[in-house]
């Protein structure tokens, strides 16, 4: 059986590392893989690097069961259901974080805004076809908890994504 949860999470992390999303006519890259540090879990304090994107699985479970739990037709009929995974994505920027965009250095709140827009683009354009998982739908829940923490001296924002996929066995 395919490892759907890890396949989806790994694909999402890889897409965030490259910063690539689709435009009307081609693809664009918001940053190079050395500009933004992407973590699959919260890093230890001494390992944290900024700007950072932290991907954190928050929930998973059955989204929808089928009557009799049979999916498909004829010889290809299997047991299964729609299954969902909920992921939180945290963005953090410190006072030294800088990304150059069109010749201008983006930092602090301006950098956080740039990251939020491009992370949203990447989430909605993430291609899961190579993950071996049939993604049925995805939802970007929008950014929340945006602001500055004066104790940590970090700008931050959190968003979420829900991915629904077919789980057959």
N, C-alpha and C. Protein backbone atom coordinates (compact mmCIF):
# COMPACT_ATOMS: atom_id res chain seq x y z
N UNK A 1 0.85 -1.17 0.00
CA UNK A 1 0.00 0.00 0.00
C UNK A 1 0.90 1.25 0.00
N UNK A 2 0.48 2.24 -0.75
CA UNK A 2 1.26 3.48 -0.86
C UNK A 2 1.28 4.23 0.47
N UNK A 3 2.36 4.93 0.71
CA UNK A 3 2.53 5.73 1.92
C UNK A 3 2.03 7.15 1.65
N UNK A 4 0.71 7.28 1.49
CA UNK A 4 0.11 8.53 1.01
C UNK A 4 0.46 9.75 1.86
N UNK A 5 0.37 9.65 3.18
CA UNK A 5 0.61 10.81 4.04
C UNK A 5 2.03 11.34 3.86
N UNK A 6 3.01 10.44 3.90
CA UNK A 6 4.39 10.89 3.73
C UNK A 6 4.67 11.35 2.30
N UNK A 7 4.03 10.72 1.31
CA UNK A 7 4.22 11.14 -0.08
C UNK A 7 3.73 12.58 -0.29
N UNK A 8 2.57 12.89 0.26
CA UNK A 8 2.02 14.24 0.13
C UNK A 8 2.90 15.25 0.86
N UNK A 9 3.27 14.93 2.09
CA UNK A 9 4.10 15.83 2.88
C UNK A 9 5.46 16.08 2.21
N UNK A 10 6.09 15.04 1.71
CA UNK A 10 7.40 15.16 1.05
C UNK A 10 7.29 15.99 -0.22
N UNK A 11 6.25 15.76 -1.02
CA UNK A 11 6.06 16.53 -2.25
C UNK A 11 5.87 18.01 -1.93
N UNK A 12 5.08 18.30 -0.92
CA UNK A 12 4.85 19.68 -0.52
C UNK A 12 6.15 20.35 -0.06
N UNK A 13 6.93 19.67 0.76
CA UNK A 13 8.21 20.21 1.23
C UNK A 13 9.14 20.47 0.05
N UNK A 14 9.23 19.52 -0.88
CA UNK A 14 10.09 19.70 -2.05
C UNK A 14 9.68 20.91 -2.88
N UNK A 15 8.38 21.09 -3.08
CA UNK A 15 7.89 22.24 -3.84
C UNK A 15 8.18 23.56 -3.13
N UNK A 16 8.06 23.58 -1.82
CA UNK A 16 8.38 24.80 -1.08
C UNK A 16 9.88 25.10 -1.13
N UNK A 17 10.71 24.08 -1.14
CA UNK A 17 12.16 24.31 -1.23
C UNK A 17 12.56 24.95 -2.55
N UNK A 18 11.94 24.52 -3.65
CA UNK A 18 12.31 25.09 -4.95
C UNK A 18 11.64 26.43 -5.21
N UNK A 19 10.51 26.70 -4.54
CA UNK A 19 9.82 27.98 -4.72
C UNK A 19 9.16 28.13 -6.07
N UNK A 20 8.84 27.03 -6.74
CA UNK A 20 8.32 27.07 -8.10
C UNK A 20 6.80 27.01 -8.12
N UNK A 21 6.20 27.87 -8.94
CA UNK A 21 4.75 27.87 -9.14
C UNK A 21 4.47 28.18 -10.61
N UNK A 22 3.21 27.98 -11.01
CA UNK A 22 2.82 28.18 -12.41
C UNK A 22 2.34 29.60 -12.64
N UNK A 23 2.63 30.11 -13.85
CA UNK A 23 2.09 31.39 -14.30
C UNK A 23 1.13 31.08 -15.45
N UNK A 24 0.59 32.10 -16.08
CA UNK A 24 -0.35 31.89 -17.19
C UNK A 24 0.30 31.16 -18.36
N UNK A 25 1.60 31.38 -18.56
CA UNK A 25 2.24 30.82 -19.75
C UNK A 25 3.39 29.85 -19.44
N UNK A 26 3.90 29.84 -18.22
CA UNK A 26 5.04 28.98 -17.90
C UNK A 26 5.11 28.77 -16.39
N UNK A 27 6.32 28.64 -15.89
CA UNK A 27 6.51 28.55 -14.44
C UNK A 27 7.45 29.66 -14.00
N UNK A 28 7.38 29.99 -12.72
CA UNK A 28 8.25 31.01 -12.14
C UNK A 28 8.83 30.45 -10.85
N UNK A 29 9.94 31.02 -10.43
CA UNK A 29 10.57 30.62 -9.18
C UNK A 29 10.67 31.84 -8.28
N UNK A 30 10.08 31.73 -7.10
CA UNK A 30 10.04 32.86 -6.17
C UNK A 30 11.36 33.03 -5.44
N UNK A 31 12.11 31.93 -5.25
CA UNK A 31 13.39 31.98 -4.55
C UNK A 31 14.22 30.78 -4.94
N UNK A 32 15.51 30.87 -4.65
CA UNK A 32 16.37 29.71 -4.87
C UNK A 32 16.36 28.88 -3.59
N UNK A 33 16.76 27.63 -3.71
CA UNK A 33 16.71 26.74 -2.54
C UNK A 33 17.65 27.19 -1.43
N UNK A 34 18.60 28.08 -1.72
CA UNK A 34 19.48 28.58 -0.67
C UNK A 34 18.92 29.83 0.03
N UNK A 35 17.86 30.44 -0.54
CA UNK A 35 17.27 31.66 0.04
C UNK A 35 16.38 31.38 1.24
N UNK A 36 15.63 30.26 1.19
CA UNK A 36 14.63 29.95 2.20
C UNK A 36 14.93 28.56 2.76
N UNK A 37 14.86 28.42 4.06
CA UNK A 37 15.12 27.13 4.73
C UNK A 37 13.78 26.48 5.04
N UNK A 38 13.57 25.27 4.51
CA UNK A 38 12.31 24.57 4.70
C UNK A 38 12.56 23.37 5.60
N UNK A 39 11.77 23.30 6.67
CA UNK A 39 11.89 22.22 7.65
C UNK A 39 10.62 21.38 7.65
N UNK A 40 10.77 20.08 7.80
CA UNK A 40 9.64 19.16 7.89
C UNK A 40 9.10 19.04 9.29
N UNK A 41 9.70 19.72 10.22
CA UNK A 41 9.25 19.77 11.61
C UNK A 41 9.92 20.97 12.25
N UNK A 42 9.47 21.36 13.43
CA UNK A 42 10.10 22.50 14.10
C UNK A 42 11.55 22.16 14.43
N UNK A 43 12.49 23.00 13.99
CA UNK A 43 13.91 22.72 14.26
C UNK A 43 14.27 23.02 15.72
N UNK A 44 15.33 22.40 16.17
CA UNK A 44 15.88 22.76 17.48
C UNK A 44 16.34 24.21 17.40
N UNK A 45 16.34 24.90 18.51
CA UNK A 45 16.68 26.32 18.52
C UNK A 45 18.01 26.60 17.85
N UNK A 46 19.02 25.79 18.15
CA UNK A 46 20.35 26.03 17.57
C UNK A 46 20.43 25.68 16.09
N UNK A 47 19.43 24.95 15.55
CA UNK A 47 19.42 24.58 14.14
C UNK A 47 18.56 25.51 13.29
N UNK A 48 17.83 26.43 13.91
CA UNK A 48 16.93 27.32 13.19
C UNK A 48 17.72 28.28 12.30
N UNK A 49 17.22 28.46 11.08
CA UNK A 49 17.79 29.40 10.12
C UNK A 49 16.64 30.17 9.51
N UNK A 50 16.89 31.42 9.13
CA UNK A 50 15.83 32.29 8.64
C UNK A 50 16.22 32.89 7.30
N UNK A 51 15.26 33.23 6.47
CA UNK A 51 13.83 32.98 6.63
C UNK A 51 13.54 31.49 6.55
N UNK A 52 12.50 31.06 7.27
CA UNK A 52 12.20 29.64 7.30
C UNK A 52 10.73 29.37 7.06
N UNK A 53 10.49 28.18 6.51
CA UNK A 53 9.15 27.64 6.32
C UNK A 53 9.15 26.31 7.06
N UNK A 54 8.20 26.14 7.95
CA UNK A 54 8.11 24.91 8.73
C UNK A 54 6.79 24.23 8.39
N UNK A 55 6.88 22.99 7.92
CA UNK A 55 5.70 22.22 7.54
C UNK A 55 5.39 21.27 8.69
N UNK A 56 4.15 21.30 9.16
CA UNK A 56 3.77 20.52 10.33
C UNK A 56 2.42 19.85 10.09
N UNK A 57 2.39 18.52 10.04
CA UNK A 57 1.12 17.81 9.90
C UNK A 57 0.32 17.99 11.19
N UNK A 58 -0.93 18.43 11.06
CA UNK A 58 -1.74 18.73 12.23
C UNK A 58 -2.84 17.71 12.46
N UNK A 59 -3.36 17.12 11.40
CA UNK A 59 -4.49 16.21 11.54
C UNK A 59 -4.56 15.34 10.30
N UNK A 60 -5.11 14.14 10.45
CA UNK A 60 -5.47 13.33 9.29
C UNK A 60 -6.61 12.42 9.67
N UNK A 61 -7.34 11.98 8.69
CA UNK A 61 -8.47 11.10 8.98
C UNK A 61 -9.41 10.98 7.81
N UNK A 62 -10.43 10.19 8.00
CA UNK A 62 -11.38 9.91 6.93
C UNK A 62 -12.19 11.15 6.63
N UNK A 63 -12.22 11.51 5.36
CA UNK A 63 -12.99 12.64 4.88
C UNK A 63 -14.38 12.18 4.47
N UNK A 64 -14.46 11.03 3.81
CA UNK A 64 -15.74 10.54 3.34
C UNK A 64 -15.67 9.04 3.14
N UNK A 65 -16.61 8.30 3.71
CA UNK A 65 -16.69 6.87 3.48
C UNK A 65 -17.70 6.60 2.39
N UNK A 66 -17.48 5.51 1.66
CA UNK A 66 -18.41 5.13 0.61
C UNK A 66 -19.30 4.00 1.10
N UNK A 67 -20.51 3.95 0.61
CA UNK A 67 -21.44 2.89 0.97
C UNK A 67 -20.81 1.54 0.66
N UNK A 68 -20.65 0.70 1.65
CA UNK A 68 -20.02 -0.60 1.45
C UNK A 68 -18.51 -0.51 1.34
N UNK A 69 -17.99 0.70 1.28
CA UNK A 69 -16.55 0.96 1.20
C UNK A 69 -15.87 0.32 -0.01
N UNK A 70 -16.62 0.10 -1.09
CA UNK A 70 -16.03 -0.42 -2.32
C UNK A 70 -15.87 0.72 -3.31
N UNK A 71 -14.68 0.80 -3.90
CA UNK A 71 -14.33 1.87 -4.82
C UNK A 71 -13.94 1.24 -6.15
N UNK A 72 -14.45 1.75 -7.25
CA UNK A 72 -14.10 1.25 -8.57
C UNK A 72 -15.18 0.35 -9.13
N UNK A 73 -14.84 -0.31 -10.25
CA UNK A 73 -15.80 -1.17 -10.93
C UNK A 73 -15.14 -2.47 -11.34
N UNK A 74 -15.91 -3.53 -11.39
CA UNK A 74 -15.46 -4.82 -11.90
C UNK A 74 -14.24 -5.35 -11.17
N UNK A 75 -13.25 -5.80 -11.97
CA UNK A 75 -12.04 -6.41 -11.40
C UNK A 75 -11.18 -5.41 -10.66
N UNK A 76 -11.35 -4.11 -10.93
CA UNK A 76 -10.51 -3.11 -10.26
C UNK A 76 -11.15 -2.57 -8.97
N UNK A 77 -12.22 -3.21 -8.50
CA UNK A 77 -12.88 -2.77 -7.27
C UNK A 77 -11.98 -3.04 -6.07
N UNK A 78 -11.84 -2.02 -5.21
CA UNK A 78 -11.04 -2.11 -3.99
C UNK A 78 -11.84 -1.53 -2.84
N UNK A 79 -11.38 -1.75 -1.65
CA UNK A 79 -11.96 -1.09 -0.48
C UNK A 79 -11.25 0.25 -0.34
N UNK A 80 -11.98 1.26 0.12
CA UNK A 80 -11.31 2.54 0.28
C UNK A 80 -12.24 3.65 0.72
N UNK A 81 -11.67 4.82 0.83
CA UNK A 81 -12.38 6.02 1.24
C UNK A 81 -11.55 7.23 0.84
N UNK A 82 -12.21 8.39 0.91
CA UNK A 82 -11.49 9.65 0.77
C UNK A 82 -10.87 9.93 2.12
N UNK A 83 -9.62 10.30 2.11
CA UNK A 83 -8.89 10.53 3.35
C UNK A 83 -8.29 11.93 3.25
N UNK A 84 -8.18 12.60 4.36
CA UNK A 84 -7.64 13.96 4.33
C UNK A 84 -6.46 14.13 5.26
N UNK A 85 -5.59 15.06 4.90
CA UNK A 85 -4.46 15.43 5.74
C UNK A 85 -4.49 16.95 5.89
N UNK A 86 -4.36 17.42 7.11
CA UNK A 86 -4.31 18.85 7.39
C UNK A 86 -2.89 19.23 7.78
N UNK A 87 -2.36 20.25 7.13
CA UNK A 87 -0.97 20.65 7.33
C UNK A 87 -0.94 22.14 7.68
N UNK A 88 -0.18 22.50 8.70
CA UNK A 88 0.09 23.91 9.00
C UNK A 88 1.45 24.26 8.42
N UNK A 89 1.54 25.44 7.85
CA UNK A 89 2.80 25.94 7.30
C UNK A 89 3.10 27.26 8.01
N UNK A 90 4.22 27.29 8.71
CA UNK A 90 4.63 28.46 9.48
C UNK A 90 5.76 29.17 8.75
N UNK A 91 5.67 30.48 8.61
CA UNK A 91 6.73 31.31 8.02
C UNK A 91 7.35 32.13 9.14
N UNK A 92 8.68 32.18 9.15
CA UNK A 92 9.37 32.99 10.16
C UNK A 92 10.53 33.74 9.52
N UNK A 93 10.63 35.01 9.87
CA UNK A 93 11.64 35.90 9.33
C UNK A 93 12.27 36.65 10.50
N UNK A 94 13.61 36.67 10.56
CA UNK A 94 14.27 37.46 11.60
C UNK A 94 14.78 38.76 11.00
N UNK A 95 15.38 39.61 11.83
CA UNK A 95 15.80 40.95 11.35
C UNK A 95 16.93 40.90 10.33
N UNK A 96 17.67 39.79 10.24
CA UNK A 96 18.77 39.68 9.29
C UNK A 96 18.38 39.02 7.98
N UNK A 97 17.16 38.49 7.88
CA UNK A 97 16.70 37.80 6.67
C UNK A 97 16.53 38.79 5.53
N UNK A 98 17.09 38.44 4.36
CA UNK A 98 16.96 39.27 3.16
C UNK A 98 16.87 38.35 1.95
N UNK A 99 15.93 38.65 1.07
CA UNK A 99 15.86 38.01 -0.24
C UNK A 99 15.84 39.14 -1.26
N UNK A 100 16.65 39.04 -2.28
CA UNK A 100 16.68 40.06 -3.33
C UNK A 100 15.63 39.73 -4.38
N UNK A 101 14.70 40.66 -4.61
CA UNK A 101 13.63 40.51 -5.58
C UNK A 101 13.72 41.67 -6.55
N UNK A 102 13.96 41.35 -7.82
CA UNK A 102 14.09 42.39 -8.86
C UNK A 102 15.06 43.49 -8.44
N UNK A 103 16.18 43.11 -7.85
CA UNK A 103 17.24 44.04 -7.48
C UNK A 103 17.05 44.74 -6.14
N UNK A 104 15.91 44.54 -5.50
CA UNK A 104 15.65 45.19 -4.20
C UNK A 104 15.72 44.16 -3.09
N UNK A 105 16.30 44.56 -1.96
CA UNK A 105 16.38 43.67 -0.81
C UNK A 105 15.10 43.70 0.00
N UNK A 106 14.41 42.58 0.07
CA UNK A 106 13.19 42.47 0.87
C UNK A 106 13.56 41.92 2.23
N UNK A 107 13.12 42.60 3.29
CA UNK A 107 13.38 42.10 4.63
C UNK A 107 12.21 42.45 5.55
N UNK A 108 12.23 41.84 6.70
CA UNK A 108 11.24 42.03 7.75
C UNK A 108 9.82 41.87 7.21
N UNK A 109 8.93 42.83 7.48
CA UNK A 109 7.52 42.67 7.11
C UNK A 109 7.34 42.56 5.60
N UNK A 110 8.12 43.27 4.82
CA UNK A 110 8.00 43.19 3.36
C UNK A 110 8.36 41.79 2.88
N UNK A 111 9.39 41.20 3.48
CA UNK A 111 9.79 39.84 3.13
C UNK A 111 8.70 38.85 3.54
N UNK A 112 8.11 39.04 4.71
CA UNK A 112 7.04 38.15 5.15
C UNK A 112 5.86 38.22 4.17
N UNK A 113 5.48 39.40 3.73
CA UNK A 113 4.40 39.54 2.75
C UNK A 113 4.74 38.81 1.46
N UNK A 114 5.99 38.96 1.00
CA UNK A 114 6.45 38.29 -0.22
C UNK A 114 6.36 36.77 -0.06
N UNK A 115 6.81 36.27 1.08
CA UNK A 115 6.75 34.82 1.33
C UNK A 115 5.31 34.33 1.38
N UNK A 116 4.41 35.08 2.04
CA UNK A 116 3.02 34.66 2.15
C UNK A 116 2.38 34.51 0.77
N UNK A 117 2.55 35.50 -0.08
CA UNK A 117 1.95 35.44 -1.41
C UNK A 117 2.49 34.25 -2.20
N UNK A 118 3.80 34.06 -2.17
CA UNK A 118 4.39 33.00 -2.97
C UNK A 118 4.16 31.62 -2.40
N UNK A 119 4.09 31.49 -1.08
CA UNK A 119 3.73 30.19 -0.49
C UNK A 119 2.31 29.82 -0.90
N UNK A 120 1.39 30.78 -0.90
CA UNK A 120 0.02 30.50 -1.35
C UNK A 120 0.02 30.02 -2.79
N UNK A 121 0.81 30.66 -3.66
CA UNK A 121 0.92 30.23 -5.06
C UNK A 121 1.44 28.80 -5.15
N UNK A 122 2.47 28.49 -4.39
CA UNK A 122 3.08 27.16 -4.42
C UNK A 122 2.10 26.10 -3.91
N UNK A 123 1.38 26.40 -2.83
CA UNK A 123 0.42 25.44 -2.29
C UNK A 123 -0.65 25.10 -3.31
N UNK A 124 -1.15 26.09 -4.00
CA UNK A 124 -2.24 25.85 -4.95
C UNK A 124 -1.76 25.20 -6.24
N UNK A 125 -0.48 25.33 -6.55
CA UNK A 125 0.06 24.75 -7.79
C UNK A 125 0.84 23.47 -7.57
N UNK A 126 0.98 23.04 -6.34
CA UNK A 126 1.76 21.84 -6.03
C UNK A 126 1.24 20.65 -6.84
N UNK A 127 2.12 19.99 -7.56
CA UNK A 127 1.76 18.86 -8.41
C UNK A 127 2.07 17.56 -7.67
N UNK A 128 1.03 16.83 -7.32
CA UNK A 128 1.18 15.59 -6.56
C UNK A 128 1.20 14.35 -7.45
N UNK A 129 1.22 14.51 -8.79
CA UNK A 129 1.13 13.34 -9.66
C UNK A 129 2.30 12.39 -9.48
N UNK A 130 3.47 12.89 -9.19
CA UNK A 130 4.64 12.03 -8.98
C UNK A 130 4.67 11.37 -7.61
N UNK A 131 3.72 11.72 -6.75
CA UNK A 131 3.72 11.20 -5.38
C UNK A 131 3.07 9.82 -5.28
N UNK A 132 2.48 9.34 -6.37
CA UNK A 132 1.83 8.04 -6.32
C UNK A 132 0.55 8.07 -5.51
N UNK A 133 -0.06 9.25 -5.39
CA UNK A 133 -1.27 9.43 -4.59
C UNK A 133 -2.29 10.19 -5.42
N UNK A 134 -3.52 9.70 -5.48
CA UNK A 134 -4.56 10.36 -6.24
C UNK A 134 -5.19 11.46 -5.39
N UNK A 135 -4.72 12.69 -5.59
CA UNK A 135 -5.24 13.84 -4.85
C UNK A 135 -6.55 14.27 -5.51
N UNK A 136 -7.60 14.31 -4.71
CA UNK A 136 -8.93 14.64 -5.20
C UNK A 136 -9.19 16.15 -5.11
N UNK A 137 -8.76 16.77 -4.01
CA UNK A 137 -8.93 18.21 -3.86
C UNK A 137 -7.95 18.74 -2.83
N UNK A 138 -7.80 20.04 -2.84
CA UNK A 138 -6.93 20.72 -1.88
C UNK A 138 -7.56 22.05 -1.52
N UNK A 139 -7.30 22.49 -0.31
CA UNK A 139 -7.85 23.75 0.18
C UNK A 139 -6.73 24.50 0.89
N UNK A 140 -6.57 25.75 0.51
CA UNK A 140 -5.66 26.63 1.23
C UNK A 140 -6.51 27.42 2.21
N UNK A 141 -6.21 27.33 3.49
CA UNK A 141 -7.07 27.94 4.50
C UNK A 141 -6.79 29.41 4.77
N UNK A 142 -5.81 29.97 4.10
CA UNK A 142 -5.49 31.38 4.30
C UNK A 142 -4.53 31.60 5.46
N UNK A 143 -3.89 32.74 5.48
CA UNK A 143 -2.92 33.06 6.53
C UNK A 143 -3.62 33.63 7.75
N UNK A 144 -3.09 33.31 8.92
CA UNK A 144 -3.61 33.79 10.20
C UNK A 144 -2.42 34.01 11.12
N UNK A 145 -2.65 34.60 12.25
CA UNK A 145 -1.60 34.82 13.24
C UNK A 145 -0.38 35.51 12.65
N UNK A 146 -0.62 36.54 11.86
CA UNK A 146 0.48 37.29 11.27
C UNK A 146 0.93 38.37 12.23
N UNK A 147 2.24 38.58 12.30
CA UNK A 147 2.69 39.66 13.14
C UNK A 147 4.13 39.52 13.58
N UNK A 148 4.47 40.31 14.58
CA UNK A 148 5.83 40.39 15.10
C UNK A 148 5.83 39.98 16.57
N UNK A 149 6.77 39.12 16.94
CA UNK A 149 6.95 38.73 18.34
C UNK A 149 8.20 39.43 18.86
N UNK A 150 8.00 40.41 19.74
CA UNK A 150 9.13 41.21 20.21
C UNK A 150 10.07 40.41 21.12
N UNK A 151 9.56 39.38 21.81
CA UNK A 151 10.43 38.55 22.65
C UNK A 151 11.40 37.73 21.81
N UNK A 152 10.89 37.16 20.72
CA UNK A 152 11.73 36.33 19.84
C UNK A 152 12.38 37.15 18.74
N UNK A 153 11.90 38.37 18.53
CA UNK A 153 12.35 39.24 17.45
C UNK A 153 12.19 38.56 16.09
N UNK A 154 10.98 38.00 15.88
CA UNK A 154 10.65 37.30 14.65
C UNK A 154 9.33 37.82 14.09
N UNK A 155 9.27 37.98 12.77
CA UNK A 155 8.02 38.20 12.07
C UNK A 155 7.52 36.83 11.68
N UNK A 156 6.23 36.60 11.75
CA UNK A 156 5.72 35.28 11.43
C UNK A 156 4.30 35.28 10.94
N UNK A 157 3.93 34.18 10.32
CA UNK A 157 2.57 33.96 9.84
C UNK A 157 2.36 32.46 9.72
N UNK A 158 1.12 32.05 9.86
CA UNK A 158 0.78 30.63 9.74
C UNK A 158 -0.37 30.48 8.77
N UNK A 159 -0.28 29.47 7.93
CA UNK A 159 -1.36 29.13 7.02
C UNK A 159 -1.61 27.64 7.12
N UNK A 160 -2.64 27.18 6.48
CA UNK A 160 -2.94 25.76 6.49
C UNK A 160 -3.32 25.27 5.13
N UNK A 161 -3.24 23.97 4.98
CA UNK A 161 -3.63 23.32 3.73
C UNK A 161 -4.28 22.00 4.08
N UNK A 162 -5.35 21.70 3.41
CA UNK A 162 -6.00 20.41 3.55
C UNK A 162 -5.93 19.72 2.19
N UNK A 163 -5.45 18.49 2.17
CA UNK A 163 -5.36 17.72 0.94
C UNK A 163 -6.22 16.47 1.14
N UNK A 164 -7.15 16.25 0.20
CA UNK A 164 -8.01 15.07 0.24
C UNK A 164 -7.56 14.14 -0.87
N UNK A 165 -7.38 12.87 -0.53
CA UNK A 165 -6.90 11.90 -1.51
C UNK A 165 -7.65 10.59 -1.39
N UNK A 166 -7.54 9.77 -2.43
CA UNK A 166 -8.19 8.47 -2.43
C UNK A 166 -7.27 7.47 -1.74
N UNK A 167 -7.79 6.82 -0.73
CA UNK A 167 -7.05 5.79 -0.01
C UNK A 167 -7.69 4.44 -0.33
N UNK A 168 -7.01 3.65 -1.14
CA UNK A 168 -7.53 2.32 -1.48
C UNK A 168 -6.61 1.26 -0.92
N UNK A 169 -7.21 0.10 -0.62
CA UNK A 169 -6.43 -1.00 -0.10
C UNK A 169 -6.92 -2.32 -0.63
